[in-house]
């Protein structure tokens, strides 16, 4: 078990945004957090990454409580947020070097790991280009490479394909699935796009701050008597 979320609840003022959220992720597997816009996905990611303070419940990373051992827990995760967080005026390599320095890596380690990740994503030849010169899909790959520099066991991606075209979305999704298959990295991929999820994935459906379903995509279809995940999603949430 890489991540366990226990009895999480969260309110903005008096308005509940998340209620009684419980789930645990399987090590080395791709997990889809599927929900329409406004379901609470980004709020949950805010709690997982300590951008928001826990109000109720706890989060465990490899058994380490986020409340009691935040530094140790955060060392185990890499994050890609919905909004691009790269410095457009720095080169690709400079962005990676800056980020790795924040994680305490030496310049030699930073260069080595950065080049390894860029090569994995087919971007080593663009290392000295300013990020501004890259297209949206390549910028997202750089963000994922950056998130992997400190060798986390868990990768969190919040709507990572936002703003990308269909081909770029598929390529990015395929790359992340390879990380699970080859490197055994645990992935939590938040999305509102049903086409980014397959029947073989572990799927958690979040709607109006509540976890409505959790299981393989095929099992959820069988349970609801539907023939596709799109039908299952519409039946559970009322969103087509």
Protein backbone atom coordinates (compact mmCIF):
# COMPACT_ATOMS: atom_id res chain seq x y z
CA UNK A 1 0.00 0.00 0.00
CA UNK A 2 1.52 3.31 -1.13
CA UNK A 3 -1.19 5.76 -0.10
CA UNK A 4 -4.12 5.45 2.28
CA UNK A 5 -6.74 8.16 2.72
CA UNK A 6 -8.74 7.76 5.91
CA UNK A 7 -12.02 9.54 6.73
CA UNK A 8 -11.09 12.75 4.95
CA UNK A 9 -13.52 15.63 5.15
CA UNK A 10 -13.01 19.23 4.13
CA UNK A 11 -15.07 22.43 4.12
CA UNK A 12 -14.61 25.89 2.66
CA UNK A 13 -16.25 27.94 5.37
CA UNK A 14 -19.44 26.05 6.15
CA UNK A 15 -19.68 24.45 2.71
CA UNK A 16 -18.60 20.78 2.65
CA UNK A 17 -16.40 19.97 -0.33
CA UNK A 18 -15.24 16.47 0.62
CA UNK A 19 -17.12 14.07 2.88
CA UNK A 20 -15.91 10.75 4.35
CA UNK A 21 -13.32 9.97 1.67
CA UNK A 22 -11.61 6.60 2.15
CA UNK A 23 -9.40 4.68 -0.27
CA UNK A 24 -6.01 3.00 -0.54
CA UNK A 25 -3.81 2.74 -3.62
CA UNK A 26 -2.13 -0.45 -4.83
CA UNK A 27 1.63 -0.21 -5.31
CA UNK A 28 2.82 0.04 -8.92
CA UNK A 29 -0.64 0.51 -10.42
CA UNK A 30 -2.42 3.18 -12.47
CA UNK A 31 -5.43 4.58 -10.60
CA UNK A 32 -7.96 6.94 -12.13
CA UNK A 33 -9.78 9.49 -9.99
CA UNK A 34 -12.72 10.23 -12.24
CA UNK A 35 -15.10 13.08 -11.58
CA UNK A 36 -16.76 16.03 -13.32
CA UNK A 37 -15.42 19.53 -12.88
CA UNK A 38 -16.21 20.71 -9.35
CA UNK A 39 -16.30 17.20 -7.91
CA UNK A 40 -13.55 17.95 -5.37
CA UNK A 41 -10.58 16.40 -7.17
CA UNK A 42 -8.33 19.44 -6.90
CA UNK A 43 -9.26 19.95 -3.24
CA UNK A 44 -8.27 16.35 -2.55
CA UNK A 45 -4.95 16.92 -4.33
CA UNK A 46 -4.46 20.06 -2.27
CA UNK A 47 -4.77 17.96 0.88
CA UNK A 48 -2.49 15.21 -0.46
CA UNK A 49 0.23 17.76 -1.19
CA UNK A 50 -0.22 19.92 1.94
CA UNK A 51 -1.33 22.97 -0.01
CA UNK A 52 -4.44 22.69 2.15
CA UNK A 53 -4.41 21.79 5.84
CA UNK A 54 -6.16 18.62 6.94
CA UNK A 55 -9.39 19.34 8.81
CA UNK A 56 -10.64 15.80 9.32
CA UNK A 57 -9.07 12.36 8.95
CA UNK A 58 -5.51 11.51 7.97
CA UNK A 59 -3.39 10.56 4.97
CA UNK A 60 -0.69 7.89 5.11
CA UNK A 61 2.20 7.58 2.68
CA UNK A 62 3.83 4.16 3.03
CA UNK A 63 2.57 4.12 6.60
CA UNK A 64 3.85 7.63 7.43
CA UNK A 65 1.15 9.99 8.70
CA UNK A 66 1.00 13.27 6.84
CA UNK A 67 -0.04 14.90 10.11
CA UNK A 68 2.75 13.49 12.24
CA UNK A 69 5.59 13.10 9.71
CA UNK A 70 4.93 15.55 6.86
CA UNK A 71 8.53 15.85 5.66
CA UNK A 72 9.10 12.10 5.43
CA UNK A 73 5.75 11.57 3.73
CA UNK A 74 6.27 14.29 1.12
CA UNK A 75 9.63 12.81 0.09
CA UNK A 76 7.75 9.85 -1.34
CA UNK A 77 5.59 11.74 -3.84
CA UNK A 78 5.94 13.61 -7.11
CA UNK A 79 3.23 16.01 -8.24
CA UNK A 80 2.00 17.49 -11.52
CA UNK A 81 -0.67 20.12 -10.99
CA UNK A 82 -3.37 21.19 -13.42
CA UNK A 83 -1.75 24.59 -13.97
CA UNK A 84 1.67 24.60 -15.64
CA UNK A 85 4.32 25.39 -13.03
CA UNK A 86 7.44 25.64 -15.20
CA UNK A 87 9.44 28.84 -15.62
CA UNK A 88 8.95 29.58 -19.32
CA UNK A 89 12.07 31.74 -19.59
CA UNK A 90 14.44 29.11 -18.19
CA UNK A 91 15.69 26.20 -20.26
CA UNK A 92 14.34 22.71 -19.75
CA UNK A 93 17.50 21.66 -17.91
CA UNK A 94 17.50 24.80 -15.73
CA UNK A 95 13.96 24.04 -14.63
CA UNK A 96 14.98 20.53 -13.65
CA UNK A 97 18.16 21.64 -11.90
CA UNK A 98 16.31 24.25 -9.86
CA UNK A 99 13.67 21.73 -8.76
CA UNK A 100 16.20 19.04 -7.84
CA UNK A 101 18.16 21.55 -5.75
CA UNK A 102 15.03 22.09 -3.69
CA UNK A 103 15.08 18.36 -2.95
CA UNK A 104 18.70 18.51 -1.80
CA UNK A 105 20.28 16.78 -4.79
CA UNK A 106 23.84 17.69 -5.73
CA UNK A 107 24.50 19.32 -9.10
CA UNK A 108 25.99 16.06 -10.37
CA UNK A 109 22.95 14.05 -9.24
CA UNK A 110 20.64 16.69 -10.66
CA UNK A 111 22.29 16.62 -14.08
CA UNK A 112 22.41 12.82 -14.21
CA UNK A 113 18.82 12.23 -13.12
CA UNK A 114 17.53 15.12 -15.20
CA UNK A 115 19.14 13.77 -18.37
CA UNK A 116 17.86 10.26 -17.60
CA UNK A 117 14.29 11.50 -17.27
CA UNK A 118 14.51 13.70 -20.36
CA UNK A 119 15.84 10.77 -22.37
CA UNK A 120 12.98 8.59 -21.11
CA UNK A 121 10.49 11.18 -22.37
CA UNK A 122 12.30 11.76 -25.67
CA UNK A 123 13.31 15.31 -24.76
CA UNK A 124 17.05 15.15 -24.10
CA UNK A 125 17.67 16.95 -27.37
CA UNK A 126 15.57 19.87 -26.09
CA UNK A 127 17.40 20.20 -22.76
CA UNK A 128 18.92 23.58 -23.61
CA UNK A 129 15.80 25.04 -25.21
CA UNK A 130 13.71 27.54 -23.26
CA UNK A 131 10.48 25.97 -22.04
CA UNK A 132 8.61 28.70 -23.91
CA UNK A 133 9.73 27.06 -27.17
CA UNK A 134 8.03 23.73 -26.34
CA UNK A 135 4.48 22.78 -27.25
CA UNK A 136 1.94 21.94 -24.55
CA UNK A 137 2.48 18.19 -24.68
CA UNK A 138 6.25 18.51 -24.32
CA UNK A 139 5.87 20.95 -21.42
CA UNK A 140 3.74 18.38 -19.62
CA UNK A 141 6.41 15.73 -20.18
CA UNK A 142 9.00 18.08 -18.69
CA UNK A 143 6.75 18.58 -15.64
CA UNK A 144 6.48 14.82 -15.15
CA UNK A 145 10.24 14.41 -15.60
CA UNK A 146 10.73 17.10 -12.96
CA UNK A 147 8.33 15.36 -10.58
CA UNK A 148 10.37 12.14 -10.87
CA UNK A 149 13.81 13.62 -10.16
CA UNK A 150 13.82 12.69 -6.46
CA UNK A 151 12.66 9.14 -7.34
CA UNK A 152 9.25 9.12 -5.64
CA UNK A 153 7.19 5.97 -5.29
CA UNK A 154 3.92 7.81 -5.89
CA UNK A 155 3.05 10.21 -8.72
CA UNK A 156 0.01 12.47 -8.41
CA UNK A 157 -1.37 14.09 -11.57
CA UNK A 158 -4.26 16.55 -11.39
CA UNK A 159 -5.94 16.93 -14.81
CA UNK A 160 -2.50 16.63 -16.48
CA UNK A 161 -3.86 16.78 -20.04
CA UNK A 162 -5.74 20.07 -19.58
CA UNK A 163 -5.38 22.16 -22.71
CA UNK A 164 -3.77 19.43 -24.81
CA UNK A 165 -5.06 18.08 -28.11
CA UNK A 166 -6.31 14.51 -28.46
CA UNK A 167 -3.02 13.08 -29.77
CA UNK A 168 -0.98 14.76 -27.02
CA UNK A 169 -3.41 13.57 -24.34
CA UNK A 170 -3.09 9.96 -25.51
CA UNK A 171 0.71 10.15 -25.76
CA UNK A 172 1.00 11.54 -22.24
CA UNK A 173 -1.41 8.96 -20.84
CA UNK A 174 0.58 6.17 -22.51
CA UNK A 175 3.87 7.53 -21.08
CA UNK A 176 2.50 7.54 -17.55
CA UNK A 177 1.15 4.02 -17.89
CA UNK A 178 4.65 2.93 -18.93
CA UNK A 179 5.99 4.34 -15.66
CA UNK A 180 3.66 1.97 -13.82
CA UNK A 181 4.49 -1.03 -15.99
CA UNK A 182 8.27 -0.57 -16.16
CA UNK A 183 9.26 1.37 -13.04
CA UNK A 184 6.42 0.18 -10.77
CA UNK A 185 5.52 3.75 -9.83
CA UNK A 186 2.09 4.14 -8.25
CA UNK A 187 -0.01 6.71 -10.11
CA UNK A 188 -3.14 8.64 -9.16
CA UNK A 189 -4.45 10.34 -12.33
CA UNK A 190 -7.33 12.77 -11.77
CA UNK A 191 -9.49 13.50 -14.79
CA UNK A 192 -12.98 14.34 -15.99
CA UNK A 193 -12.27 12.74 -19.40
CA UNK A 194 -13.63 9.21 -19.64
CA UNK A 195 -11.43 8.41 -22.67
CA UNK A 196 -8.33 8.60 -20.44
CA UNK A 197 -9.57 5.65 -18.39
CA UNK A 198 -9.76 1.98 -19.39
CA UNK A 199 -11.89 -0.89 -18.15
CA UNK A 200 -8.78 -2.53 -16.64
CA UNK A 201 -7.90 0.49 -14.50
CA UNK A 202 -8.69 0.88 -10.84
CA UNK A 203 -11.33 3.63 -10.99
CA UNK A 204 -12.61 5.86 -8.20
CA UNK A 205 -15.63 8.01 -9.06
CA UNK A 206 -15.84 11.29 -7.13
CA UNK A 207 -18.97 13.44 -7.37
CA UNK A 208 -20.11 16.35 -5.21
CA UNK A 209 -17.39 15.58 -2.70
CA UNK A 210 -18.30 11.94 -2.17
CA UNK A 211 -16.64 8.77 -3.41
CA UNK A 212 -19.45 6.97 -5.23
CA UNK A 213 -17.56 3.94 -6.52
CA UNK A 214 -14.15 2.26 -6.26
CA UNK A 215 -13.06 -0.79 -8.25
CA UNK A 216 -11.83 -1.91 -11.63
CA UNK A 217 -13.60 -0.23 -14.51
CA UNK A 218 -15.02 -3.55 -15.66
CA UNK A 219 -16.25 -4.42 -12.18
CA UNK A 220 -18.04 -1.08 -11.92
CA UNK A 221 -19.72 -1.72 -15.28
CA UNK A 222 -20.80 -5.18 -14.13
CA UNK A 223 -22.12 -3.83 -10.84
CA UNK A 224 -24.17 -1.09 -12.47
CA UNK A 225 -25.33 -3.25 -15.38
CA UNK A 226 -23.80 -0.94 -17.97
CA UNK A 227 -21.78 -1.75 -21.08
CA UNK A 228 -19.16 1.02 -20.85
CA UNK A 229 -17.45 3.27 -18.36
CA UNK A 230 -19.10 6.25 -20.01
CA UNK A 231 -22.53 4.76 -19.22
CA UNK A 232 -21.42 3.92 -15.67
CA UNK A 233 -20.16 7.46 -15.12
CA UNK A 234 -23.40 8.99 -16.42
CA UNK A 235 -25.51 6.65 -14.30
CA UNK A 236 -23.58 7.45 -11.11
CA UNK A 237 -23.19 11.19 -11.57
CA UNK A 238 -25.89 12.25 -14.00
CA UNK A 239 -23.16 13.83 -16.14
CA UNK A 240 -22.76 12.74 -19.76
